Amino acid sequence: MSTNLDNYRHQCSDIIVDHERGEIICKSTGEVIGSLLDSGPEWREFLDGEGKARSRVGSPLTKSMHDYGISTTISERDIRRLKYSQRMKMYNLRRRMASTRMRKSKRMIDALTILRQEVSRLQLPQLVLENAAMLIRKVVENGLGRGEKIKSYIAAAIYISCRLSKIPKSFASIISALEVEEESARYAYRKLVELSGGKINARVYKPIEYVPTFVKKLNLGPGSEKLMYRLSKAVEKTPMLQGKSPIAVAAAIAYVSSAIMGEKRNQRDIASAFGTFTDVAVRNRYRDIVDNLYIEVML
């Protein structure tokens, strides 16, 4: 990594480096104070002079393309340099090549194209796209997800990929964005788990991971954000998370923090901003927080 962490020591003495998201985080406040920049080569050298023999040409391999991004096409510029008779032959050859590729991989192309569009619309990182593409490839190869059903599998694949990538994204918000039925998406999720060997190694989210999302959606100030990080860490040390939805706990933390910092948000507004829980859930988790942390809030 080309980023020198010493440059950030004057902002925060206790720094956490999140290599998956490329972020430098202050542990005491939870703020993102910088980003990692990798300007080095994407390979390792095992022999002397091996690095010099390699070059940075061509695009990287990607599972989100049906051919992994390694297919070749005859460029328009090269064709125009030829004589007229040869030019016509090359145009016909290029059409035939494209037609052959489409016939062999049409379902895969269509499925991965929809996946790329939805991931881009949800503004999710490349890591999510790559993991989801790997799952969608299994779906198509096993003859599943034909017709409109493919969108249900794409929704389930994006949700699983977000969990694997440690990106807090609720199942309800994804199926709502893709406009698929919940029952169909849940069936697709179960089939994807089966195709993955019956188990998805994804950890459970913590309330602290939802803090940036709540701050953005509720338009909270930096004071409320810092308090939310402090309360989230305090809640993790108590048994109140057992059997509770982490996003509902995070919503209650947002409610408490906004009330204390003088920018109170209504419980119903907090619940409707996400649509995955009710204001009753926020109220119940709020009571848990106040009782366990001995907080007195003047409402």
C-alpha atoms as a PDB file:
ATOM      1  CA  MET A   1       0.000   0.000   0.000  1.00  0.00           C
ATOM      2  CA  SER A   2       1.289   3.412  -0.901  1.00  0.00           C
ATOM      3  CA  THR A   3      -0.701   5.166   1.845  1.00  0.00           C
ATOM      4  CA  ASN A   4       1.441   6.208   4.823  1.00  0.00           C
ATOM      5  CA  LEU A   5      -0.615   5.687   7.997  1.00  0.00           C
ATOM      6  CA  ASP A   6       1.681   8.034   9.940  1.00  0.00           C
ATOM      7  CA  ASN A   7       0.103  10.943   8.061  1.00  0.00           C
ATOM      8  CA  TYR A   8      -3.174  10.272   9.908  1.00  0.00           C
ATOM      9  CA  ARG A   9      -1.734   9.935  13.429  1.00  0.00           C
ATOM     10  CA  HIS A  10      -2.257  13.646  14.134  1.00  0.00           C
ATOM     11  CA  GLN A  11      -6.012  13.174  13.537  1.00  0.00           C
ATOM     12  CA  CYS A  12      -6.399   9.993  15.579  1.00  0.00           C
ATOM     13  CA  SER A  13      -3.975   7.973  17.705  1.00  0.00           C
ATOM     14  CA  ASP A  14      -5.934   4.707  17.436  1.00  0.00           C
ATOM     15  CA  ILE A  15      -6.417   3.758  13.773  1.00  0.00           C
ATOM     16  CA  ILE A  16      -8.191   0.754  12.204  1.00  0.00           C
ATOM     17  CA  VAL A  17      -7.483  -0.218   8.585  1.00  0.00           C
ATOM     18  CA  ASP A  18     -10.363  -1.849   6.679  1.00  0.00           C
ATOM     19  CA  HIS A  19      -8.612  -3.445   3.688  1.00  0.00           C
ATOM     20  CA  GLU A  20     -11.836  -4.768   2.126  1.00  0.00           C
ATOM     21  CA  ARG A  21     -13.478  -1.346   1.924  1.00  0.00           C
ATOM     22  CA  GLY A  22     -10.214   0.547   1.497  1.00  0.00           C
ATOM     23  CA  GLU A  23     -10.885   2.838   4.467  1.00  0.00           C
ATOM     24  CA  ILE A  24      -8.812   4.199   7.358  1.00  0.00           C
ATOM     25  CA  ILE A  25     -11.062   4.528  10.430  1.00  0.00           C
ATOM     26  CA  CYS A  26     -10.543   6.264  13.768  1.00  0.00           C
ATOM     27  CA  LYS A  27     -11.431   3.678  16.430  1.00  0.00           C
ATOM     28  CA  SER A  28     -12.386   6.201  19.111  1.00  0.00           C
ATOM     29  CA  THR A  29     -14.914   8.152  16.994  1.00  0.00           C
ATOM     30  CA  GLY A  30     -15.748   5.742  14.166  1.00  0.00           C
ATOM     31  CA  GLU A  31     -14.982   8.411  11.532  1.00  0.00           C
ATOM     32  CA  VAL A  32     -13.475   7.511   8.151  1.00  0.00           C
ATOM     33  CA  ILE A  33     -10.372   9.733   8.074  1.00  0.00           C
ATOM     34  CA  GLY A  34      -8.737   8.463   4.888  1.00  0.00           C
ATOM     35  CA  SER A  35      -8.649   5.859   2.139  1.00  0.00           C
ATOM     36  CA  LEU A  36      -6.105   3.320   0.992  1.00  0.00           C
ATOM     37  CA  LEU A  37      -4.422   3.759  -2.357  1.00  0.00           C
ATOM     38  CA  ASP A  38      -2.721   0.799  -3.997  1.00  0.00           C
ATOM     39  CA  SER A  39      -0.396   1.861  -6.804  1.00  0.00           C
ATOM     40  CA  GLY A  40       1.675  -1.313  -6.831  1.00  0.00           C
ATOM     41  CA  PRO A  41       1.409  -4.213  -9.298  1.00  0.00           C
ATOM     42  CA  GLU A  42      -1.363  -6.795  -8.957  1.00  0.00           C
ATOM     43  CA  TRP A  43       1.105  -9.708  -9.084  1.00  0.00           C
ATOM     44  CA  ARG A  44       3.856 -11.208  -6.939  1.00  0.00           C
ATOM     45  CA  GLU A  45       7.400 -11.992  -8.025  1.00  0.00           C
ATOM     46  CA  PHE A  46       8.862 -15.408  -7.282  1.00  0.00           C
ATOM     47  CA  LEU A  47      11.909 -15.243  -9.576  1.00  0.00           C
ATOM     48  CA  ASP A  48      14.467 -12.507 -10.214  1.00  0.00           C
ATOM     49  CA  GLY A  49      13.351 -10.272 -13.060  1.00  0.00           C
ATOM     50  CA  GLU A  50       9.892 -11.837 -13.232  1.00  0.00           C
ATOM     51  CA  GLY A  51       8.210  -8.513 -12.526  1.00  0.00           C
ATOM     52  CA  LYS A  52       9.921  -6.821 -15.453  1.00  0.00           C
ATOM     53  CA  ALA A  53       8.615  -9.498 -17.823  1.00  0.00           C
ATOM     54  CA  ARG A  54       5.026  -8.688 -16.903  1.00  0.00           C
ATOM     55  CA  SER A  55       3.056  -5.756 -18.252  1.00  0.00           C
ATOM     56  CA  ARG A  56      -0.142  -3.905 -17.335  1.00  0.00           C
ATOM     57  CA  VAL A  57      -2.008  -4.419 -20.613  1.00  0.00           C
ATOM     58  CA  GLY A  58      -5.621  -5.521 -21.008  1.00  0.00           C
ATOM     59  CA  SER A  59      -8.504  -5.318 -18.586  1.00  0.00           C
ATOM     60  CA  PRO A  60      -8.567  -7.542 -15.469  1.00  0.00           C
ATOM     61  CA  LEU A  61     -10.580 -10.775 -15.396  1.00  0.00           C
ATOM     62  CA  THR A  62     -14.091 -10.343 -14.062  1.00  0.00           C
ATOM     63  CA  LYS A  63     -16.814 -12.878 -13.257  1.00  0.00           C
ATOM     64  CA  SER A  64     -19.462 -10.281 -14.106  1.00  0.00           C
ATOM     65  CA  MET A  65     -18.848 -10.785 -17.856  1.00  0.00           C
ATOM     66  CA  HIS A  66     -20.003 -13.997 -19.522  1.00  0.00           C
ATOM     67  CA  ASP A  67     -16.535 -14.530 -21.051  1.00  0.00           C
ATOM     68  CA  TYR A  68     -14.654 -13.176 -18.001  1.00  0.00           C
ATOM     69  CA  GLY A  69     -13.691 -10.137 -20.100  1.00  0.00           C
ATOM     70  CA  ILE A  70     -11.117 -11.974 -22.227  1.00  0.00           C
ATOM     71  CA  SER A  71     -12.929 -12.238 -25.590  1.00  0.00           C
ATOM     72  CA  THR A  72     -11.437 -10.392 -28.547  1.00  0.00           C
ATOM     73  CA  THR A  73     -13.206  -8.356 -31.207  1.00  0.00           C
ATOM     74  CA  ILE A  74     -12.058  -6.903 -34.492  1.00  0.00           C
ATOM     75  CA  SER A  75     -11.882  -3.150 -34.020  1.00  0.00           C
ATOM     76  CA  GLU A  76     -13.493  -0.681 -36.407  1.00  0.00           C
ATOM     77  CA  ARG A  77     -10.205   1.191 -36.777  1.00  0.00           C
ATOM     78  CA  ASP A  78      -8.366  -1.918 -38.005  1.00  0.00           C
ATOM     79  CA  ILE A  79     -11.118  -2.784 -40.466  1.00  0.00           C
ATOM     80  CA  ARG A  80     -11.105   0.688 -42.021  1.00  0.00           C
ATOM     81  CA  ARG A  81      -7.434   0.304 -42.940  1.00  0.00           C
ATOM     82  CA  LEU A  82      -8.229  -2.611 -45.271  1.00  0.00           C
ATOM     83  CA  LYS A  83      -9.244  -2.541 -48.913  1.00  0.00           C
ATOM     84  CA  TYR A  84     -12.951  -2.493 -49.683  1.00  0.00           C
ATOM     85  CA  SER A  85     -13.256  -6.207 -50.572  1.00  0.00           C
ATOM     86  CA  GLN A  86     -11.336  -7.291 -47.457  1.00  0.00           C
ATOM     87  CA  ARG A  87     -13.292  -4.822 -45.367  1.00  0.00           C
ATOM     88  CA  MET A  88     -16.605  -6.473 -46.269  1.00  0.00           C
ATOM     89  CA  LYS A  89     -15.209  -9.912 -45.392  1.00  0.00           C
ATOM     90  CA  MET A  90     -14.055  -8.679 -41.997  1.00  0.00           C
ATOM     91  CA  TYR A  91     -17.445  -7.078 -41.261  1.00  0.00           C
ATOM     92  CA  ASN A  92     -19.165 -10.395 -42.053  1.00  0.00           C
ATOM     93  CA  LEU A  93     -16.643 -12.279 -39.898  1.00  0.00           C
ATOM     94  CA  ARG A  94     -17.201  -9.922 -36.970  1.00  0.00           C
ATOM     95  CA  ARG A  95     -21.003 -10.328 -37.199  1.00  0.00           C
ATOM     96  CA  ARG A  96     -20.650 -14.117 -37.310  1.00  0.00           C
ATOM     97  CA  MET A  97     -18.361 -14.130 -34.247  1.00  0.00           C
ATOM     98  CA  ALA A  98     -20.777 -11.958 -32.251  1.00  0.00           C
ATOM     99  CA  SER A  99     -23.762 -14.084 -33.301  1.00  0.00           C
ATOM    100  CA  THR A 100     -22.002 -17.326 -32.293  1.00  0.00           C
ATOM    101  CA  ARG A 101     -21.104 -15.935 -28.862  1.00  0.00           C
ATOM    102  CA  MET A 102     -24.658 -14.722 -28.276  1.00  0.00           C
ATOM    103  CA  ARG A 103     -26.246 -18.077 -29.196  1.00  0.00           C
ATOM    104  CA  LYS A 104     -23.976 -20.060 -26.879  1.00  0.00           C
ATOM    105  CA  SER A 105     -24.173 -17.742 -23.872  1.00  0.00           C
ATOM    106  CA  LYS A 106     -27.415 -15.797 -24.298  1.00  0.00           C
ATOM    107  CA  ARG A 107     -28.914 -16.668 -20.870  1.00  0.00           C
ATOM    108  CA  MET A 108     -25.623 -16.006 -19.110  1.00  0.00           C
ATOM    109  CA  ILE A 109     -25.197 -12.663 -20.916  1.00  0.00           C
ATOM    110  CA  ASP A 110     -28.759 -11.560 -20.078  1.00  0.00           C
ATOM    111  CA  ALA A 111     -28.479 -12.570 -16.406  1.00  0.00           C
ATOM    112  CA  LEU A 112     -25.102 -10.895 -15.845  1.00  0.00           C
ATOM    113  CA  THR A 113     -26.220  -7.763 -17.701  1.00  0.00           C
ATOM    114  CA  ILE A 114     -29.238  -7.393 -15.364  1.00  0.00           C
ATOM    115  CA  LEU A 115     -26.979  -8.051 -12.365  1.00  0.00           C
ATOM    116  CA  ARG A 116     -24.513  -5.314 -13.393  1.00  0.00           C
ATOM    117  CA  GLN A 117     -27.358  -2.852 -13.905  1.00  0.00           C
ATOM    118  CA  GLU A 118     -28.930  -3.546 -10.493  1.00  0.00           C
ATOM    119  CA  VAL A 119     -25.619  -3.430  -8.597  1.00  0.00           C
ATOM    120  CA  SER A 120     -24.834  -0.105 -10.277  1.00  0.00           C
ATOM    121  CA  ARG A 121     -28.297   1.255  -9.429  1.00  0.00           C
ATOM    122  CA  LEU A 122     -27.873   0.247  -5.773  1.00  0.00           C
ATOM    123  CA  GLN A 123     -24.422   1.918  -5.796  1.00  0.00           C
ATOM    124  CA  LEU A 124     -22.672  -1.171  -4.433  1.00  0.00           C
ATOM    125  CA  PRO A 125     -18.919  -1.790  -4.837  1.00  0.00           C
ATOM    126  CA  GLN A 126     -17.194  -4.068  -7.356  1.00  0.00           C
ATOM    127  CA  LEU A 127     -16.576  -6.725  -4.693  1.00  0.00           C
ATOM    128  CA  VAL A 128     -20.335  -7.235  -4.299  1.00  0.00           C
ATOM    129  CA  LEU A 129     -20.732  -7.539  -8.071  1.00  0.00           C
ATOM    130  CA  GLU A 130     -18.000 -10.178  -8.367  1.00  0.00           C
ATOM    131  CA  ASN A 131     -19.374 -12.339  -5.529  1.00  0.00           C
ATOM    132  CA  ALA A 132     -22.947 -12.060  -6.828  1.00  0.00           C
ATOM    133  CA  ALA A 133     -21.807 -12.890 -10.377  1.00  0.00           C
ATOM    134  CA  MET A 134     -20.225 -16.115  -9.116  1.00  0.00           C
ATOM    135  CA  LEU A 135     -23.593 -17.137  -7.605  1.00  0.00           C
ATOM    136  CA  ILE A 136     -25.565 -16.189 -10.727  1.00  0.00           C
ATOM    137  CA  ARG A 137     -23.209 -18.296 -12.854  1.00  0.00           C
ATOM    138  CA  LYS A 138     -24.162 -21.328 -10.726  1.00  0.00           C
ATOM    139  CA  VAL A 139     -27.854 -20.489 -11.214  1.00  0.00           C
ATOM    140  CA  VAL A 140     -27.598 -20.349 -15.008  1.00  0.00           C
ATOM    141  CA  GLU A 141     -25.325 -23.408 -15.244  1.00  0.00           C
ATOM    142  CA  ASN A 142     -27.885 -25.440 -13.249  1.00  0.00           C
ATOM    143  CA  GLY A 143     -30.779 -24.347 -15.464  1.00  0.00           C
ATOM    144  CA  LEU A 144     -32.495 -22.250 -12.781  1.00  0.00           C
ATOM    145  CA  GLY A 145     -33.947 -18.747 -12.920  1.00  0.00           C
ATOM    146  CA  ARG A 146     -35.596 -18.843 -16.324  1.00  0.00           C
ATOM    147  CA  GLY A 147     -37.596 -15.851 -17.520  1.00  0.00           C
ATOM    148  CA  GLU A 148     -38.679 -13.305 -14.911  1.00  0.00           C
ATOM    149  CA  LYS A 149     -37.508 -15.578 -12.065  1.00  0.00           C
ATOM    150  CA  ILE A 150     -33.893 -14.546 -12.700  1.00  0.00           C
ATOM    151  CA  LYS A 151     -34.511 -11.228 -10.913  1.00  0.00           C
ATOM    152  CA  SER A 152     -35.410 -13.097  -7.717  1.00  0.00           C
ATOM    153  CA  TYR A 153     -32.111 -14.979  -7.905  1.00  0.00           C
ATOM    154  CA  ILE A 154     -30.260 -11.730  -8.587  1.00  0.00           C
ATOM    155  CA  ALA A 155     -31.855 -10.113  -5.518  1.00  0.00           C
ATOM    156  CA  ALA A 156     -30.874 -13.098  -3.350  1.00  0.00           C
ATOM    157  CA  ALA A 157     -27.344 -13.152  -4.814  1.00  0.00           C
ATOM    158  CA  ILE A 158     -26.850  -9.431  -4.096  1.00  0.00           C
ATOM    159  CA  TYR A 159     -28.057  -9.913  -0.508  1.00  0.00           C
ATOM    160  CA  ILE A 160     -25.686 -12.847   0.088  1.00  0.00           C
ATOM    161  CA  SER A 161     -22.820 -10.942  -1.527  1.00  0.00           C
ATOM    162  CA  CYS A 162     -23.464  -7.913   0.708  1.00  0.00           C
ATOM    163  CA  ARG A 163     -23.282 -10.151   3.765  1.00  0.00           C
ATOM    164  CA  LEU A 164     -20.048 -11.755   2.566  1.00  0.00           C
ATOM    165  CA  SER A 165     -18.607  -8.292   1.841  1.00  0.00           C
ATOM    166  CA  LYS A 166     -19.667  -6.967   5.286  1.00  0.00           C
ATOM    167  CA  ILE A 167     -21.915  -4.322   3.733  1.00  0.00           C
ATOM    168  CA  PRO A 168     -25.096  -3.790   5.811  1.00  0.00           C
ATOM    169  CA  LYS A 169     -27.980  -4.083   3.353  1.00  0.00           C
ATOM    170  CA  SER A 170     -31.317  -5.516   4.445  1.00  0.00           C
ATOM    171  CA  PHE A 171     -33.096  -8.222   2.463  1.00  0.00           C
ATOM    172  CA  ALA A 172     -36.297  -6.154   2.364  1.00  0.00           C
ATOM    173  CA  SER A 173     -34.554  -3.091   0.910  1.00  0.00           C
ATOM    174  CA  ILE A 174     -32.969  -5.156  -1.894  1.00  0.00           C
ATOM    175  CA  ILE A 175     -36.159  -6.952  -2.977  1.00  0.00           C
ATOM    176  CA  SER A 176     -38.006  -3.622  -2.821  1.00  0.00           C
ATOM    177  CA  ALA A 177     -35.416  -1.949  -5.056  1.00  0.00           C
ATOM    178  CA  LEU A 178     -35.517  -4.837  -7.572  1.00  0.00           C
ATOM    179  CA  GLU A 179     -39.346  -5.045  -7.359  1.00  0.00           C
ATOM    180  CA  VAL A 180     -39.531  -8.804  -6.792  1.00  0.00           C
ATOM    181  CA  GLU A 181     -41.913 -10.786  -4.575  1.00  0.00           C
ATOM    182  CA  GLU A 182     -40.580 -11.679  -1.140  1.00  0.00           C
ATOM    183  CA  GLU A 183     -41.692 -15.327  -1.345  1.00  0.00           C
ATOM    184  CA  SER A 184     -39.946 -15.784  -4.706  1.00  0.00           C
ATOM    185  CA  ALA A 185     -36.761 -14.093  -3.450  1.00  0.00           C
ATOM    186  CA  ARG A 186     -36.685 -16.252  -0.297  1.00  0.00           C
ATOM    187  CA  TYR A 187     -37.057 -19.409  -2.408  1.00  0.00           C
ATOM    188  CA  ALA A 188     -34.169 -18.197  -4.607  1.00  0.00           C
ATOM    189  CA  TYR A 189     -32.098 -17.544  -1.475  1.00  0.00           C
ATOM    190  CA  ARG A 190     -32.643 -21.119  -0.259  1.00  0.00           C
ATOM    191  CA  LYS A 191     -31.666 -22.532  -3.679  1.00  0.00           C
ATOM    192  CA  LEU A 192     -28.481 -20.425  -3.711  1.00  0.00           C
ATOM    193  CA  VAL A 193     -27.563 -21.747  -0.261  1.00  0.00           C
ATOM    194  CA  GLU A 194     -28.063 -25.292  -1.608  1.00  0.00           C
ATOM    195  CA  LEU A 195     -25.854 -24.563  -4.635  1.00  0.00           C
ATOM    196  CA  SER A 196     -23.188 -23.199  -2.273  1.00  0.00           C
ATOM    197  CA  GLY A 197     -22.992 -26.440  -0.332  1.00  0.00           C
ATOM    198  CA  GLY A 198     -25.741 -25.737   2.180  1.00  0.00           C
ATOM    199  CA  LYS A 199     -23.913 -22.987   4.068  1.00  0.00           C
ATOM    200  CA  ILE A 200     -23.040 -19.318   3.581  1.00  0.00           C
ATOM    201  CA  ASN A 201     -20.112 -18.234   5.738  1.00  0.00           C
ATOM    202  CA  ALA A 202     -21.314 -14.707   6.491  1.00  0.00           C
ATOM    203  CA  ARG A 203     -21.157 -13.094   9.902  1.00  0.00           C
ATOM    204  CA  VAL A 204     -24.028 -11.323  11.646  1.00  0.00           C
ATOM    205  CA  TYR A 205     -24.101  -7.535  11.394  1.00  0.00           C
ATOM    206  CA  LYS A 206     -23.564  -5.260  14.372  1.00  0.00           C
ATOM    207  CA  PRO A 207     -25.514  -2.041  15.059  1.00  0.00           C
ATOM    208  CA  ILE A 208     -22.345   0.040  14.628  1.00  0.00           C
ATOM    209  CA  GLU A 209     -22.195  -0.949  10.948  1.00  0.00           C
ATOM    210  CA  TYR A 210     -25.570   0.701  10.296  1.00  0.00           C
ATOM    211  CA  VAL A 211     -24.528   4.068  11.768  1.00  0.00           C
ATOM    212  CA  PRO A 212     -23.409   5.716   8.467  1.00  0.00           C
ATOM    213  CA  THR A 213     -26.642   4.601   6.765  1.00  0.00           C
ATOM    214  CA  PHE A 214     -28.859   6.047   9.524  1.00  0.00           C
ATOM    215  CA  VAL A 215     -26.887   9.301   9.639  1.00  0.00           C
ATOM    216  CA  LYS A 216     -27.288   9.757   5.892  1.00  0.00           C
ATOM    217  CA  LYS A 217     -30.985   8.831   5.682  1.00  0.00           C
ATOM    218  CA  LEU A 218     -32.019  10.837   8.746  1.00  0.00           C
ATOM    219  CA  ASN A 219     -29.702  13.752   7.922  1.00  0.00           C
ATOM    220  CA  LEU A 220     -28.130  13.791  11.379  1.00  0.00           C
ATOM    221  CA  GLY A 221     -25.250  16.018  12.426  1.00  0.00           C
ATOM    222  CA  PRO A 222     -21.709  14.990  13.481  1.00  0.00           C
ATOM    223  CA  GLY A 223     -22.625  15.226  17.184  1.00  0.00           C
ATOM    224  CA  SER A 224     -25.380  12.629  16.843  1.00  0.00           C
ATOM    225  CA  GLU A 225     -23.117  10.445  14.694  1.00  0.00           C
ATOM    226  CA  LYS A 226     -20.336  10.367  17.309  1.00  0.00           C
ATOM    227  CA  LEU A 227     -22.836   9.578  20.053  1.00  0.00           C
ATOM    228  CA  MET A 228     -24.294   6.759  17.943  1.00  0.00           C
ATOM    229  CA  TYR A 229     -20.839   5.178  17.631  1.00  0.00           C
ATOM    230  CA  ARG A 230     -20.311   5.451  21.401  1.00  0.00           C
ATOM    231  CA  LEU A 231     -23.701   3.931  22.218  1.00  0.00           C
ATOM    232  CA  SER A 232     -23.223   1.152  19.644  1.00  0.00           C
ATOM    233  CA  LYS A 233     -19.952   0.109  21.296  1.00  0.00           C
ATOM    234  CA  ALA A 234     -21.602   0.218  24.726  1.00  0.00           C
ATOM    235  CA  VAL A 235     -24.553  -1.895  23.529  1.00  0.00           C
ATOM    236  CA  GLU A 236     -22.186  -4.583  22.169  1.00  0.00           C
ATOM    237  CA  LYS A 237     -20.886  -5.122  25.714  1.00  0.00           C
ATOM    238  CA  THR A 238     -24.372  -5.927  27.012  1.00  0.00           C
ATOM    239  CA  PRO A 239     -26.488  -9.078  26.418  1.00  0.00           C
ATOM    240  CA  MET A 240     -29.333  -7.070  24.844  1.00  0.00           C
ATOM    241  CA  LEU A 241     -28.279  -7.950  21.261  1.00  0.00           C
ATOM    242  CA  GLN A 242     -29.088 -11.628  21.740  1.00  0.00           C
ATOM    243  CA  GLY A 243     -32.065 -12.521  19.558  1.00  0.00           C
ATOM    244  CA  LYS A 244     -32.603  -8.894  18.525  1.00  0.00           C
ATOM    245  CA  SER A 245     -32.450  -7.387  15.051  1.00  0.00           C
ATOM    246  CA  PRO A 246     -29.225  -5.322  14.810  1.00  0.00           C
ATOM    247  CA  ILE A 247     -30.854  -2.807  12.454  1.00  0.00           C
ATOM    248  CA  ALA A 248     -33.736  -2.245  14.912  1.00  0.00           C
ATOM    249  CA  VAL A 249     -31.208  -1.720  17.715  1.00  0.00           C
ATOM    250  CA  ALA A 250     -29.328   0.733  15.478  1.00  0.00           C
ATOM    251  CA  ALA A 251     -32.614   2.560  14.815  1.00  0.00           C
ATOM    252  CA  ALA A 252     -33.232   2.894  18.562  1.00  0.00           C
ATOM    253  CA  ILE A 253     -29.665   4.183  19.015  1.00  0.00           C
ATOM    254  CA  ALA A 254     -30.345   6.784  16.300  1.00  0.00           C
ATOM    255  CA  TYR A 255     -33.545   7.793  18.103  1.00  0.00           C
ATOM    256  CA  VAL A 256     -31.781   8.181  21.474  1.00  0.00           C
ATOM    257  CA  SER A 257     -28.782  10.016  19.992  1.00  0.00           C
ATOM    258  CA  SER A 258     -30.881  12.472  17.990  1.00  0.00           C
ATOM    259  CA  ALA A 259     -33.016  13.240  21.076  1.00  0.00           C
ATOM    260  CA  ILE A 260     -29.980  13.848  23.296  1.00  0.00           C
ATOM    261  CA  MET A 261     -28.248  16.063  20.703  1.00  0.00           C
ATOM    262  CA  GLY A 262     -31.331  18.219  20.121  1.00  0.00           C
ATOM    263  CA  GLU A 263     -32.243  17.017  16.618  1.00  0.00           C
ATOM    264  CA  LYS A 264     -34.900  14.492  17.571  1.00  0.00           C
ATOM    265  CA  ARG A 265     -36.350  12.231  14.877  1.00  0.00           C
ATOM    266  CA  ASN A 266     -39.781  10.631  15.245  1.00  0.00           C
ATOM    267  CA  GLN A 267     -39.858   6.850  15.826  1.00  0.00           C
ATOM    268  CA  ARG A 268     -42.311   6.384  12.970  1.00  0.00           C
ATOM    269  CA  ASP A 269     -40.119   8.442  10.615  1.00  0.00           C
ATOM    270  CA  ILE A 270     -37.082   6.342  11.508  1.00  0.00           C
ATOM    271  CA  ALA A 271     -38.995   3.104  10.862  1.00  0.00           C
ATOM    272  CA  SER A 272     -40.517   4.320   7.568  1.00  0.00           C
ATOM    273  CA  ALA A 273     -37.105   5.472   6.305  1.00  0.00           C
ATOM    274  CA  PHE A 274     -36.050   1.808   6.130  1.00  0.00           C
ATOM    275  CA  GLY A 275     -39.324  -0.093   5.872  1.00  0.00           C
ATOM    276  CA  THR A 276     -37.875  -3.275   7.414  1.00  0.00           C
ATOM    277  CA  PHE A 277     -39.263  -2.794  10.944  1.00  0.00           C
ATOM    278  CA  THR A 278     -42.036  -0.900  12.722  1.00  0.00           C
ATOM    279  CA  ASP A 279     -41.994   2.000  15.155  1.00  0.00           C
ATOM    280  CA  VAL A 280     -43.018  -0.532  17.840  1.00  0.00           C
ATOM    281  CA  ALA A 281     -39.676  -2.320  17.325  1.00  0.00           C
ATOM    282  CA  VAL A 282     -37.857   1.016  17.681  1.00  0.00           C
ATOM    283  CA  ARG A 283     -39.787   1.754  20.897  1.00  0.00           C
ATOM    284  CA  ASN A 284     -39.015  -1.661  22.402  1.00  0.00           C
ATOM    285  CA  ARG A 285     -35.296  -1.478  21.582  1.00  0.00           C
ATOM    286  CA  TYR A 286     -35.229   2.101  22.906  1.00  0.00           C
ATOM    287  CA  ARG A 287     -36.511   0.870  26.266  1.00  0.00           C
ATOM    288  CA  ASP A 288     -33.839  -1.867  26.300  1.00  0.00           C
ATOM    289  CA  ILE A 289     -31.101   0.693  25.681  1.00  0.00           C
ATOM    290  CA  VAL A 290     -32.331   3.122  28.303  1.00  0.00           C
ATOM    291  CA  ASP A 291     -32.704   0.351  30.917  1.00  0.00           C
ATOM    292  CA  ASN A 292     -29.381  -1.384  30.191  1.00  0.00           C
ATOM    293  CA  LEU A 293     -27.232   1.738  29.829  1.00  0.00           C
ATOM    294  CA  TYR A 294     -29.047   3.785  32.504  1.00  0.00           C
ATOM    295  CA  ILE A 295     -29.689   6.708  30.164  1.00  0.00           C
ATOM    296  CA  GLU A 296     -32.148   9.428  31.051  1.00  0.00           C
ATOM    297  CA  VAL A 297     -33.653  11.126  28.005  1.00  0.00           C
ATOM    298  CA  MET A 298     -35.941  14.151  28.324  1.00  0.00           C
ATOM    299  CA  LEU A 299     -38.499  13.745  25.512  1.00  0.00           C
END
